[in-house]
N, C-alpha and C. Protein backbone atom coordinates (compact mmCIF):
# COMPACT_ATOMS: atom_id res chain seq x y z
N UNK A 1 -19.21 10.80 7.93
CA UNK A 1 -19.02 9.37 7.91
C UNK A 1 -17.77 9.00 7.12
N UNK A 2 -17.56 9.64 5.96
CA UNK A 2 -16.37 9.34 5.17
C UNK A 2 -15.11 9.70 5.94
N UNK A 3 -15.15 10.82 6.67
CA UNK A 3 -13.98 11.22 7.45
C UNK A 3 -13.63 10.14 8.47
N UNK A 4 -14.64 9.62 9.14
CA UNK A 4 -14.42 8.57 10.13
C UNK A 4 -13.82 7.34 9.46
N UNK A 5 -14.35 6.97 8.31
CA UNK A 5 -13.83 5.81 7.58
C UNK A 5 -12.35 6.03 7.22
N UNK A 6 -12.03 7.21 6.69
CA UNK A 6 -10.65 7.51 6.32
C UNK A 6 -9.76 7.51 7.57
N UNK A 7 -10.25 8.09 8.64
CA UNK A 7 -9.48 8.12 9.89
C UNK A 7 -9.17 6.70 10.36
N UNK A 8 -10.17 5.83 10.32
CA UNK A 8 -9.96 4.44 10.73
C UNK A 8 -8.94 3.77 9.83
N UNK A 9 -9.05 4.01 8.54
CA UNK A 9 -8.09 3.42 7.60
C UNK A 9 -6.67 3.87 7.89
N UNK A 10 -6.50 5.17 8.12
CA UNK A 10 -5.16 5.70 8.41
C UNK A 10 -4.65 5.15 9.74
N UNK A 11 -5.50 5.12 10.74
CA UNK A 11 -5.10 4.59 12.05
C UNK A 11 -4.64 3.13 11.94
N UNK A 12 -5.43 2.32 11.25
CA UNK A 12 -5.08 0.92 11.10
C UNK A 12 -3.80 0.76 10.29
N UNK A 13 -3.61 1.63 9.33
CA UNK A 13 -2.39 1.58 8.52
C UNK A 13 -1.17 1.85 9.39
N UNK A 14 -1.28 2.81 10.26
CA UNK A 14 -0.15 3.13 11.12
C UNK A 14 0.11 2.04 12.14
N UNK A 15 -0.93 1.34 12.57
CA UNK A 15 -0.76 0.24 13.52
C UNK A 15 -0.15 -0.99 12.87
N UNK A 16 -0.50 -1.24 11.65
CA UNK A 16 -0.01 -2.42 10.96
C UNK A 16 0.90 -1.96 9.82
N UNK A 17 2.03 -2.57 9.72
CA UNK A 17 3.01 -2.11 8.74
C UNK A 17 2.89 -2.85 7.42
N UNK A 18 1.73 -3.29 7.06
CA UNK A 18 1.54 -4.03 5.83
C UNK A 18 0.44 -3.36 5.02
N UNK A 19 0.50 -3.54 3.75
CA UNK A 19 -0.54 -3.06 2.84
C UNK A 19 -0.97 -1.63 3.13
N UNK A 20 -0.06 -0.83 3.63
CA UNK A 20 -0.40 0.53 4.04
C UNK A 20 -0.96 1.37 2.92
N UNK A 21 -0.39 1.26 1.74
CA UNK A 21 -0.86 2.09 0.65
C UNK A 21 -2.28 1.73 0.23
N UNK A 22 -2.69 0.51 0.47
CA UNK A 22 -4.05 0.11 0.10
C UNK A 22 -5.08 0.92 0.88
N UNK A 23 -4.87 1.06 2.17
CA UNK A 23 -5.82 1.81 2.98
C UNK A 23 -5.85 3.28 2.59
N UNK A 24 -4.69 3.82 2.26
CA UNK A 24 -4.64 5.23 1.89
C UNK A 24 -5.40 5.47 0.59
N UNK A 25 -5.37 4.51 -0.30
CA UNK A 25 -6.01 4.69 -1.60
C UNK A 25 -7.52 4.45 -1.57
N UNK A 26 -8.00 3.73 -0.59
CA UNK A 26 -9.44 3.47 -0.52
C UNK A 26 -10.26 4.75 -0.37
N UNK A 27 -9.67 5.76 0.25
CA UNK A 27 -10.42 6.99 0.48
C UNK A 27 -10.74 7.73 -0.82
N UNK A 28 -10.01 7.46 -1.89
CA UNK A 28 -10.21 8.17 -3.14
C UNK A 28 -11.22 7.48 -4.06
N UNK A 29 -11.86 6.45 -3.58
CA UNK A 29 -12.72 5.64 -4.45
C UNK A 29 -14.19 5.99 -4.38
N UNK A 30 -14.58 6.95 -3.57
CA UNK A 30 -15.99 7.30 -3.42
C UNK A 30 -16.84 6.06 -3.16
N UNK A 31 -16.49 5.37 -2.10
CA UNK A 31 -17.19 4.14 -1.75
C UNK A 31 -18.61 4.43 -1.27
N UNK A 32 -19.52 3.55 -1.61
CA UNK A 32 -20.88 3.67 -1.10
C UNK A 32 -20.86 3.26 0.38
N UNK A 33 -21.94 3.57 1.05
CA UNK A 33 -22.04 3.20 2.47
C UNK A 33 -21.90 1.68 2.65
N UNK A 34 -22.55 0.93 1.79
CA UNK A 34 -22.46 -0.54 1.86
C UNK A 34 -21.03 -1.02 1.65
N UNK A 35 -20.32 -0.43 0.68
CA UNK A 35 -18.93 -0.81 0.44
C UNK A 35 -18.06 -0.48 1.66
N UNK A 36 -18.30 0.69 2.25
CA UNK A 36 -17.53 1.08 3.44
C UNK A 36 -17.72 0.05 4.56
N UNK A 37 -18.95 -0.34 4.78
CA UNK A 37 -19.24 -1.32 5.84
C UNK A 37 -18.56 -2.65 5.54
N UNK A 38 -18.66 -3.10 4.29
CA UNK A 38 -18.04 -4.38 3.93
C UNK A 38 -16.52 -4.33 4.09
N UNK A 39 -15.91 -3.26 3.63
CA UNK A 39 -14.45 -3.15 3.72
C UNK A 39 -14.01 -3.00 5.18
N UNK A 40 -14.78 -2.25 5.96
CA UNK A 40 -14.45 -2.11 7.38
C UNK A 40 -14.48 -3.49 8.06
N UNK A 41 -15.47 -4.30 7.74
CA UNK A 41 -15.55 -5.65 8.32
C UNK A 41 -14.37 -6.52 7.89
N UNK A 42 -14.00 -6.41 6.63
CA UNK A 42 -12.84 -7.16 6.14
C UNK A 42 -11.57 -6.70 6.88
N UNK A 43 -11.44 -5.40 7.06
CA UNK A 43 -10.26 -4.87 7.75
C UNK A 43 -10.22 -5.34 9.20
N UNK A 44 -11.35 -5.33 9.86
CA UNK A 44 -11.40 -5.81 11.25
C UNK A 44 -10.96 -7.27 11.35
N UNK A 45 -11.51 -8.09 10.46
CA UNK A 45 -11.14 -9.50 10.46
C UNK A 45 -9.65 -9.67 10.19
N UNK A 46 -9.14 -8.94 9.21
CA UNK A 46 -7.73 -9.06 8.84
C UNK A 46 -6.82 -8.59 9.98
N UNK A 47 -7.20 -7.53 10.63
CA UNK A 47 -6.37 -7.02 11.72
C UNK A 47 -6.43 -7.93 12.94
N UNK A 48 -7.55 -8.57 13.18
CA UNK A 48 -7.59 -9.53 14.29
C UNK A 48 -6.70 -10.73 13.96
N UNK A 49 -6.71 -11.16 12.69
CA UNK A 49 -5.78 -12.21 12.28
C UNK A 49 -4.34 -11.76 12.51
N UNK A 50 -4.01 -10.54 12.10
CA UNK A 50 -2.63 -10.06 12.23
C UNK A 50 -2.19 -9.93 13.67
N UNK A 51 -3.09 -9.50 14.54
CA UNK A 51 -2.71 -9.41 15.96
C UNK A 51 -2.29 -10.78 16.49
N UNK A 52 -3.08 -11.80 16.18
CA UNK A 52 -2.72 -13.15 16.62
C UNK A 52 -1.47 -13.64 15.91
N UNK A 53 -1.34 -13.30 14.65
CA UNK A 53 -0.16 -13.71 13.88
C UNK A 53 1.10 -13.12 14.49
N UNK A 54 1.06 -11.84 14.86
CA UNK A 54 2.23 -11.20 15.46
C UNK A 54 2.60 -11.87 16.79
N UNK A 55 1.62 -12.24 17.58
CA UNK A 55 1.89 -12.94 18.85
C UNK A 55 2.57 -14.27 18.57
N UNK A 56 2.01 -15.04 17.63
CA UNK A 56 2.58 -16.33 17.28
C UNK A 56 3.98 -16.18 16.69
N UNK A 57 4.14 -15.17 15.82
CA UNK A 57 5.44 -14.94 15.19
C UNK A 57 6.49 -14.56 16.22
N UNK A 58 6.13 -13.70 17.15
CA UNK A 58 7.09 -13.29 18.19
C UNK A 58 7.50 -14.49 19.04
N UNK A 59 6.54 -15.32 19.42
CA UNK A 59 6.87 -16.51 20.21
C UNK A 59 7.79 -17.44 19.42
N UNK A 60 7.47 -17.64 18.16
CA UNK A 60 8.32 -18.49 17.32
C UNK A 60 9.72 -17.91 17.19
N UNK A 61 9.79 -16.61 16.99
CA UNK A 61 11.10 -15.95 16.86
C UNK A 61 11.89 -16.08 18.17
N UNK A 62 11.21 -15.92 19.30
CA UNK A 62 11.88 -16.09 20.59
C UNK A 62 12.41 -17.52 20.75
N UNK A 63 11.61 -18.49 20.31
CA UNK A 63 12.04 -19.89 20.36
C UNK A 63 13.26 -20.12 19.47
N UNK A 64 13.25 -19.53 18.30
CA UNK A 64 14.40 -19.67 17.40
C UNK A 64 15.65 -19.07 18.03
N UNK A 65 15.51 -17.89 18.61
CA UNK A 65 16.68 -17.24 19.22
C UNK A 65 17.18 -18.02 20.43
N UNK A 66 16.27 -18.61 21.19
CA UNK A 66 16.68 -19.44 22.33
C UNK A 66 17.44 -20.66 21.84
N UNK A 67 16.93 -21.31 20.81
CA UNK A 67 17.62 -22.47 20.24
C UNK A 67 18.97 -22.07 19.66
N UNK A 68 19.03 -20.91 19.06
CA UNK A 68 20.29 -20.41 18.51
C UNK A 68 21.30 -20.21 19.63
N UNK A 69 20.85 -19.59 20.71
CA UNK A 69 21.74 -19.34 21.86
C UNK A 69 22.21 -20.63 22.50
N UNK A 70 21.35 -21.65 22.52
CA UNK A 70 21.70 -22.93 23.13
C UNK A 70 22.44 -23.85 22.16
N UNK A 71 22.69 -23.38 20.96
CA UNK A 71 23.34 -24.19 19.92
C UNK A 71 22.54 -25.44 19.59
N UNK A 72 21.23 -25.36 19.67
CA UNK A 72 20.39 -26.52 19.36
C UNK A 72 19.51 -26.29 18.13
N UNK A 73 19.80 -25.24 17.39
CA UNK A 73 19.01 -24.92 16.21
C UNK A 73 19.53 -25.69 15.01
N UNK A 74 18.62 -26.32 14.30
CA UNK A 74 19.02 -27.02 13.08
C UNK A 74 18.09 -26.58 11.95
N UNK A 75 18.57 -26.60 10.71
CA UNK A 75 17.77 -26.12 9.57
C UNK A 75 16.47 -26.89 9.36
N UNK A 76 16.41 -28.14 9.80
CA UNK A 76 15.20 -28.93 9.59
C UNK A 76 14.37 -29.10 10.86
N UNK A 77 14.58 -28.20 11.82
CA UNK A 77 13.85 -28.30 13.08
C UNK A 77 12.40 -27.86 12.92
N UNK A 78 11.56 -28.27 13.86
CA UNK A 78 10.14 -27.91 13.84
C UNK A 78 9.97 -26.39 13.99
N UNK A 79 10.86 -25.75 14.70
CA UNK A 79 10.76 -24.30 14.90
C UNK A 79 10.90 -23.57 13.57
N UNK A 80 11.84 -24.01 12.76
CA UNK A 80 12.04 -23.38 11.45
C UNK A 80 10.83 -23.65 10.55
N UNK A 81 10.31 -24.87 10.60
CA UNK A 81 9.11 -25.19 9.82
C UNK A 81 7.93 -24.33 10.25
N UNK A 82 7.79 -24.13 11.56
CA UNK A 82 6.72 -23.27 12.07
C UNK A 82 6.87 -21.84 11.55
N UNK A 83 8.11 -21.36 11.51
CA UNK A 83 8.37 -20.02 11.02
C UNK A 83 7.97 -19.88 9.55
N UNK A 84 8.31 -20.88 8.76
CA UNK A 84 7.94 -20.87 7.35
C UNK A 84 6.43 -20.91 7.20
N UNK A 85 5.77 -21.75 8.00
CA UNK A 85 4.30 -21.83 7.95
C UNK A 85 3.65 -20.51 8.34
N UNK A 86 4.20 -19.83 9.33
CA UNK A 86 3.66 -18.54 9.74
C UNK A 86 3.77 -17.52 8.61
N UNK A 87 4.91 -17.50 7.94
CA UNK A 87 5.08 -16.57 6.82
C UNK A 87 4.08 -16.89 5.70
N UNK A 88 3.89 -18.16 5.43
CA UNK A 88 2.93 -18.56 4.40
C UNK A 88 1.50 -18.17 4.79
N UNK A 89 1.16 -18.29 6.06
CA UNK A 89 -0.18 -17.88 6.53
C UNK A 89 -0.41 -16.40 6.29
N UNK A 90 0.62 -15.60 6.55
CA UNK A 90 0.47 -14.16 6.36
C UNK A 90 0.27 -13.82 4.89
N UNK A 91 1.04 -14.46 4.03
CA UNK A 91 0.88 -14.22 2.59
C UNK A 91 -0.52 -14.60 2.14
N UNK A 92 -1.01 -15.76 2.59
CA UNK A 92 -2.36 -16.19 2.22
C UNK A 92 -3.42 -15.20 2.74
N UNK A 93 -3.23 -14.71 3.96
CA UNK A 93 -4.19 -13.76 4.54
C UNK A 93 -4.20 -12.45 3.76
N UNK A 94 -3.04 -11.96 3.36
CA UNK A 94 -2.98 -10.72 2.60
C UNK A 94 -3.60 -10.91 1.22
N UNK A 95 -3.38 -12.05 0.61
CA UNK A 95 -3.99 -12.35 -0.69
C UNK A 95 -5.51 -12.40 -0.54
N UNK A 96 -5.97 -13.06 0.50
CA UNK A 96 -7.41 -13.16 0.75
C UNK A 96 -8.01 -11.77 0.98
N UNK A 97 -7.30 -10.93 1.72
CA UNK A 97 -7.75 -9.56 1.96
C UNK A 97 -7.92 -8.82 0.64
N UNK A 98 -6.91 -8.90 -0.21
CA UNK A 98 -6.98 -8.20 -1.50
C UNK A 98 -8.11 -8.72 -2.38
N UNK A 99 -8.30 -10.02 -2.39
CA UNK A 99 -9.38 -10.60 -3.19
C UNK A 99 -10.73 -10.13 -2.67
N UNK A 100 -10.88 -10.06 -1.35
CA UNK A 100 -12.14 -9.59 -0.76
C UNK A 100 -12.42 -8.14 -1.13
N UNK A 101 -11.38 -7.30 -1.08
CA UNK A 101 -11.56 -5.89 -1.47
C UNK A 101 -11.91 -5.81 -2.95
N UNK A 102 -11.22 -6.58 -3.77
CA UNK A 102 -11.48 -6.60 -5.21
C UNK A 102 -12.94 -6.93 -5.49
N UNK A 103 -13.48 -7.91 -4.80
CA UNK A 103 -14.86 -8.31 -5.04
C UNK A 103 -15.87 -7.24 -4.67
N UNK A 104 -15.51 -6.36 -3.77
CA UNK A 104 -16.41 -5.30 -3.33
C UNK A 104 -16.41 -4.11 -4.29
N UNK A 105 -15.25 -3.82 -4.87
CA UNK A 105 -15.13 -2.65 -5.74
C UNK A 105 -15.74 -2.92 -7.11
N UNK A 106 -16.23 -1.83 -7.73
CA UNK A 106 -16.72 -1.95 -9.10
C UNK A 106 -15.56 -1.75 -10.08
N UNK A 107 -15.85 -1.87 -11.36
CA UNK A 107 -14.80 -1.82 -12.39
C UNK A 107 -14.01 -0.51 -12.36
N UNK A 108 -14.71 0.62 -12.26
CA UNK A 108 -14.04 1.92 -12.25
C UNK A 108 -13.18 2.08 -10.99
N UNK A 109 -13.73 1.65 -9.86
CA UNK A 109 -12.98 1.75 -8.60
C UNK A 109 -11.73 0.88 -8.64
N UNK A 110 -11.84 -0.30 -9.24
CA UNK A 110 -10.67 -1.18 -9.36
C UNK A 110 -9.57 -0.52 -10.19
N UNK A 111 -9.97 0.12 -11.30
CA UNK A 111 -9.00 0.77 -12.18
C UNK A 111 -8.29 1.91 -11.44
N UNK A 112 -9.06 2.74 -10.74
CA UNK A 112 -8.48 3.84 -9.98
C UNK A 112 -7.58 3.32 -8.86
N UNK A 113 -8.07 2.35 -8.16
CA UNK A 113 -7.35 1.74 -7.04
C UNK A 113 -6.02 1.15 -7.52
N UNK A 114 -6.07 0.39 -8.60
CA UNK A 114 -4.87 -0.24 -9.13
C UNK A 114 -3.84 0.78 -9.58
N UNK A 115 -4.29 1.85 -10.25
CA UNK A 115 -3.36 2.88 -10.70
C UNK A 115 -2.71 3.60 -9.52
N UNK A 116 -3.48 3.90 -8.50
CA UNK A 116 -2.94 4.59 -7.32
C UNK A 116 -1.93 3.72 -6.57
N UNK A 117 -2.24 2.45 -6.44
CA UNK A 117 -1.33 1.54 -5.74
C UNK A 117 -0.02 1.44 -6.51
N UNK A 118 -0.11 1.34 -7.82
CA UNK A 118 1.09 1.24 -8.64
C UNK A 118 1.95 2.51 -8.50
N UNK A 119 1.32 3.68 -8.52
CA UNK A 119 2.05 4.94 -8.33
C UNK A 119 2.77 4.95 -6.98
N UNK A 120 2.06 4.56 -5.95
CA UNK A 120 2.63 4.57 -4.61
C UNK A 120 3.78 3.56 -4.49
N UNK A 121 3.62 2.39 -5.10
CA UNK A 121 4.69 1.39 -5.07
C UNK A 121 5.92 1.89 -5.80
N UNK A 122 5.74 2.55 -6.94
CA UNK A 122 6.88 3.10 -7.68
C UNK A 122 7.61 4.14 -6.84
N UNK A 123 6.85 5.01 -6.18
CA UNK A 123 7.45 6.03 -5.32
C UNK A 123 8.19 5.37 -4.16
N UNK A 124 7.60 4.33 -3.57
CA UNK A 124 8.25 3.63 -2.46
C UNK A 124 9.54 2.96 -2.92
N UNK A 125 9.53 2.41 -4.13
CA UNK A 125 10.75 1.78 -4.66
C UNK A 125 11.84 2.80 -4.86
N UNK A 126 11.49 3.99 -5.34
CA UNK A 126 12.48 5.05 -5.53
C UNK A 126 13.11 5.40 -4.18
N UNK A 127 12.26 5.58 -3.16
CA UNK A 127 12.78 5.91 -1.83
C UNK A 127 13.65 4.78 -1.29
N UNK A 128 13.22 3.54 -1.49
CA UNK A 128 13.99 2.39 -1.02
C UNK A 128 15.34 2.33 -1.73
N UNK A 129 15.36 2.57 -3.03
CA UNK A 129 16.62 2.55 -3.78
C UNK A 129 17.57 3.64 -3.28
N UNK A 130 17.04 4.83 -3.02
CA UNK A 130 17.88 5.91 -2.49
C UNK A 130 18.44 5.53 -1.12
N UNK A 131 17.60 4.95 -0.28
CA UNK A 131 18.05 4.53 1.04
C UNK A 131 19.15 3.48 0.92
N UNK A 132 18.94 2.48 0.06
CA UNK A 132 19.93 1.42 -0.11
C UNK A 132 21.24 1.98 -0.65
N UNK A 133 21.16 2.92 -1.59
CA UNK A 133 22.37 3.54 -2.12
C UNK A 133 23.15 4.27 -1.04
N UNK A 134 22.42 5.00 -0.19
CA UNK A 134 23.11 5.72 0.89
C UNK A 134 23.71 4.75 1.90
N UNK A 135 23.04 3.62 2.14
CA UNK A 135 23.59 2.61 3.05
C UNK A 135 24.85 1.98 2.47
N UNK A 136 24.85 1.70 1.16
CA UNK A 136 26.03 1.13 0.51
C UNK A 136 27.20 2.10 0.58
N UNK A 137 26.92 3.36 0.35
CA UNK A 137 27.97 4.37 0.44
C UNK A 137 28.52 4.44 1.85
N UNK A 138 27.65 4.45 2.82
CA UNK A 138 28.06 4.50 4.22
C UNK A 138 28.90 3.27 4.57
N UNK A 139 28.47 2.09 4.13
CA UNK A 139 29.22 0.86 4.40
C UNK A 139 30.60 0.90 3.77
N UNK A 140 30.69 1.41 2.53
CA UNK A 140 31.99 1.47 1.88
C UNK A 140 32.91 2.45 2.59
N UNK A 141 32.35 3.54 3.09
CA UNK A 141 33.15 4.49 3.85
C UNK A 141 33.66 3.86 5.13
N UNK A 142 32.80 3.11 5.79
CA UNK A 142 33.21 2.44 7.03
C UNK A 142 34.25 1.36 6.78
N UNK A 143 34.04 0.58 5.73
CA UNK A 143 34.94 -0.55 5.49
C UNK A 143 36.32 -0.08 5.04
N UNK A 144 36.40 1.06 4.36
CA UNK A 144 37.71 1.54 3.92
C UNK A 144 38.52 2.11 5.07
N UNK A 145 37.87 2.50 6.12
CA UNK A 145 38.57 3.08 7.26
C UNK A 145 38.17 2.33 8.54
N UNK A 146 38.02 1.03 8.40
CA UNK A 146 37.51 0.23 9.51
C UNK A 146 38.44 0.28 10.71
N UNK A 147 39.74 0.14 10.46
CA UNK A 147 40.70 0.13 11.58
C UNK A 147 41.59 1.36 11.58
N UNK A 148 41.27 2.30 10.71
CA UNK A 148 42.14 3.47 10.64
C UNK A 148 43.47 3.08 10.02
N UNK A 149 44.51 3.79 10.39
CA UNK A 149 45.85 3.46 9.89
C UNK A 149 46.39 2.31 10.72
N UNK A 150 46.62 1.20 10.06
CA UNK A 150 47.18 0.03 10.76
C UNK A 150 48.69 0.14 10.71
N UNK A 151 49.29 0.08 11.88
CA UNK A 151 50.75 0.19 11.97
C UNK A 151 51.36 -1.16 11.64
N UNK A 152 52.43 -1.12 10.90
CA UNK A 152 53.12 -2.36 10.56
C UNK A 152 54.34 -2.54 11.37
């Protein structure tokens, strides 16, 4: 049963590009059967929200790009407001997800979970910093030789 739970967590993590480290860390918490069921239900609800959110976000993004192409996009347009509202909805949903998980875990599980998430975030930041540094180096190499030798 635990294997199935972990498999579902990993699968959902790969499908959704958010809160990935949270799902990976849940497997180390020795969750009771009741906790597994509760978290699985929360994950299902959250992923159904995200599926609809992605559909709405893609439509909004397509509308923005169409307005951009038609030169009819303005900073105070309803499309931009909708985009901001969609981003805010996602943040609220992720916060709600975390609060729901928090309420299910006991004190020891919360401590373990928090420490693991922090470790993973630090590692991700290190990788992101290395990636950004390599991109900056690549950009500087390109910009210094953008046109090659320019003849005068």
